[in-house]
């Protein structure tokens, strides 16, 4: 078994996210978001979701096009995108990997579940060699 790899972003109130098997990220979630996660289990429009994640709607649309974070539901008549509170952690997982220097294509490969742990470890080792 591989030792766990940890990407750290030290902050006052870190939240530990599982990025993939054996890979964890300690990152700060904006105040109130974590409490909101515990209270919300409903569906929200893209604007509210973007606000909770601290990002722009255009970023979420881009992630959808790239197949990284697809809305839970798209209304076929209005085209509105709806996300769930559970997807907020997925957004932070993607964002943490992006901040660690991974391209969107690499992130897609990591979170897709199609890579073996050995292949994921090789990707991280390659990134570490740059630093």
Protein backbone atom coordinates (compact mmCIF):
# COMPACT_ATOMS: atom_id res chain seq x y z
CA UNK A 1 0.00 0.00 0.00
CA UNK A 2 1.30 3.42 -0.96
CA UNK A 3 1.79 6.04 1.76
CA UNK A 4 -0.91 8.66 1.51
CA UNK A 5 -0.05 11.80 -0.36
CA UNK A 6 -1.28 15.07 1.04
CA UNK A 7 -1.53 18.43 -0.66
CA UNK A 8 -1.69 21.11 2.02
CA UNK A 9 -3.05 24.57 1.95
CA UNK A 10 -2.80 25.57 5.60
CA UNK A 11 -5.61 27.72 6.88
CA UNK A 12 -7.62 28.38 10.01
CA UNK A 13 -10.41 25.91 9.33
CA UNK A 14 -9.22 23.36 6.81
CA UNK A 15 -11.51 20.77 5.32
CA UNK A 16 -9.97 17.48 4.25
CA UNK A 17 -11.10 16.38 0.80
CA UNK A 18 -10.40 13.01 -0.72
CA UNK A 19 -9.08 13.81 -4.19
CA UNK A 20 -8.69 10.18 -5.19
CA UNK A 21 -7.74 6.93 -3.49
CA UNK A 22 -4.89 7.71 -1.11
CA UNK A 23 -4.75 11.41 -2.02
CA UNK A 24 -6.14 14.02 0.30
CA UNK A 25 -6.20 17.79 0.26
CA UNK A 26 -6.45 20.07 3.27
CA UNK A 27 -7.97 23.26 1.93
CA UNK A 28 -9.94 26.16 3.26
CA UNK A 29 -13.60 26.29 2.38
CA UNK A 30 -15.11 29.80 2.58
CA UNK A 31 -16.87 30.42 5.87
CA UNK A 32 -20.46 29.31 5.89
CA UNK A 33 -20.11 26.87 2.99
CA UNK A 34 -19.34 23.88 5.20
CA UNK A 35 -22.33 24.69 7.43
CA UNK A 36 -24.45 25.13 4.31
CA UNK A 37 -23.41 21.67 3.11
CA UNK A 38 -24.70 20.12 6.29
CA UNK A 39 -28.06 21.89 5.98
CA UNK A 40 -28.66 21.63 2.24
CA UNK A 41 -29.57 18.50 0.37
CA UNK A 42 -31.58 20.18 -2.32
CA UNK A 43 -30.99 21.23 -5.88
CA UNK A 44 -29.89 24.75 -6.77
CA UNK A 45 -29.48 26.79 -9.94
CA UNK A 46 -26.03 27.34 -11.38
CA UNK A 47 -25.75 30.90 -10.03
CA UNK A 48 -26.35 29.88 -6.44
CA UNK A 49 -23.99 26.93 -6.83
CA UNK A 50 -21.29 29.20 -8.29
CA UNK A 51 -21.76 31.63 -5.40
CA UNK A 52 -21.37 28.86 -2.81
CA UNK A 53 -18.23 27.61 -4.56
CA UNK A 54 -16.76 31.08 -4.94
CA UNK A 55 -16.44 30.78 -8.70
CA UNK A 56 -18.01 32.13 -11.88
CA UNK A 57 -20.85 30.56 -13.81
CA UNK A 58 -18.60 30.47 -16.87
CA UNK A 59 -16.16 28.19 -15.00
CA UNK A 60 -18.95 25.74 -14.19
CA UNK A 61 -20.12 25.76 -17.81
CA UNK A 62 -16.54 25.12 -18.91
CA UNK A 63 -16.18 22.23 -16.45
CA UNK A 64 -19.44 20.82 -17.81
CA UNK A 65 -18.18 21.02 -21.40
CA UNK A 66 -14.93 19.32 -20.34
CA UNK A 67 -16.86 16.55 -18.56
CA UNK A 68 -15.37 17.40 -15.16
CA UNK A 69 -18.44 18.54 -13.26
CA UNK A 70 -21.74 17.98 -14.98
CA UNK A 71 -24.95 19.42 -13.56
CA UNK A 72 -27.21 16.99 -11.76
CA UNK A 73 -30.02 18.09 -14.06
CA UNK A 74 -30.46 20.35 -17.09
CA UNK A 75 -34.00 21.51 -17.75
CA UNK A 76 -34.71 20.52 -21.34
CA UNK A 77 -37.03 23.49 -21.90
CA UNK A 78 -35.18 26.35 -20.22
CA UNK A 79 -31.62 24.99 -20.39
CA UNK A 80 -31.11 25.87 -16.71
CA UNK A 81 -28.41 23.86 -15.03
CA UNK A 82 -29.10 22.49 -11.56
CA UNK A 83 -26.48 21.27 -9.09
CA UNK A 84 -26.74 19.55 -5.72
CA UNK A 85 -24.94 20.43 -2.52
CA UNK A 86 -23.04 17.14 -2.75
CA UNK A 87 -21.35 18.46 -5.91
CA UNK A 88 -19.72 21.32 -4.01
CA UNK A 89 -17.07 18.95 -2.68
CA UNK A 90 -16.45 17.70 -6.22
CA UNK A 91 -15.83 21.30 -7.27
CA UNK A 92 -13.32 21.80 -4.45
CA UNK A 93 -11.58 18.53 -5.37
CA UNK A 94 -11.17 19.74 -8.97
CA UNK A 95 -10.06 23.19 -7.80
CA UNK A 96 -7.46 21.73 -5.41
CA UNK A 97 -5.96 19.58 -8.18
CA UNK A 98 -5.92 22.60 -10.50
CA UNK A 99 -4.09 24.67 -7.87
CA UNK A 100 -1.61 21.81 -7.49
CA UNK A 101 -0.63 22.35 -11.14
CA UNK A 102 -2.68 19.73 -12.96
CA UNK A 103 -4.28 20.42 -16.32
CA UNK A 104 -8.01 19.89 -16.74
CA UNK A 105 -7.27 16.81 -18.87
CA UNK A 106 -5.07 15.35 -16.13
CA UNK A 107 -7.75 16.11 -13.54
CA UNK A 108 -10.36 14.40 -15.68
CA UNK A 109 -8.16 11.32 -15.89
CA UNK A 110 -7.58 11.31 -12.13
CA UNK A 111 -11.20 11.72 -11.06
CA UNK A 112 -12.71 9.52 -13.77
CA UNK A 113 -11.85 6.33 -11.91
CA UNK A 114 -10.38 4.82 -15.10
CA UNK A 115 -6.77 5.11 -13.89
CA UNK A 116 -5.24 2.58 -11.57
CA UNK A 117 -3.66 3.72 -8.31
CA UNK A 118 -0.25 3.01 -9.84
CA UNK A 119 -1.00 5.26 -12.83
CA UNK A 120 -2.30 8.03 -10.55
CA UNK A 121 0.81 7.73 -8.40
CA UNK A 122 2.96 8.08 -11.54
CA UNK A 123 1.10 11.27 -12.50
CA UNK A 124 1.73 12.73 -9.02
CA UNK A 125 5.37 11.69 -9.05
CA UNK A 126 5.82 13.42 -12.39
CA UNK A 127 4.25 16.62 -10.99
CA UNK A 128 6.43 16.47 -7.88
CA UNK A 129 9.55 16.30 -10.02
CA UNK A 130 8.69 19.76 -11.41
CA UNK A 131 8.75 21.27 -7.93
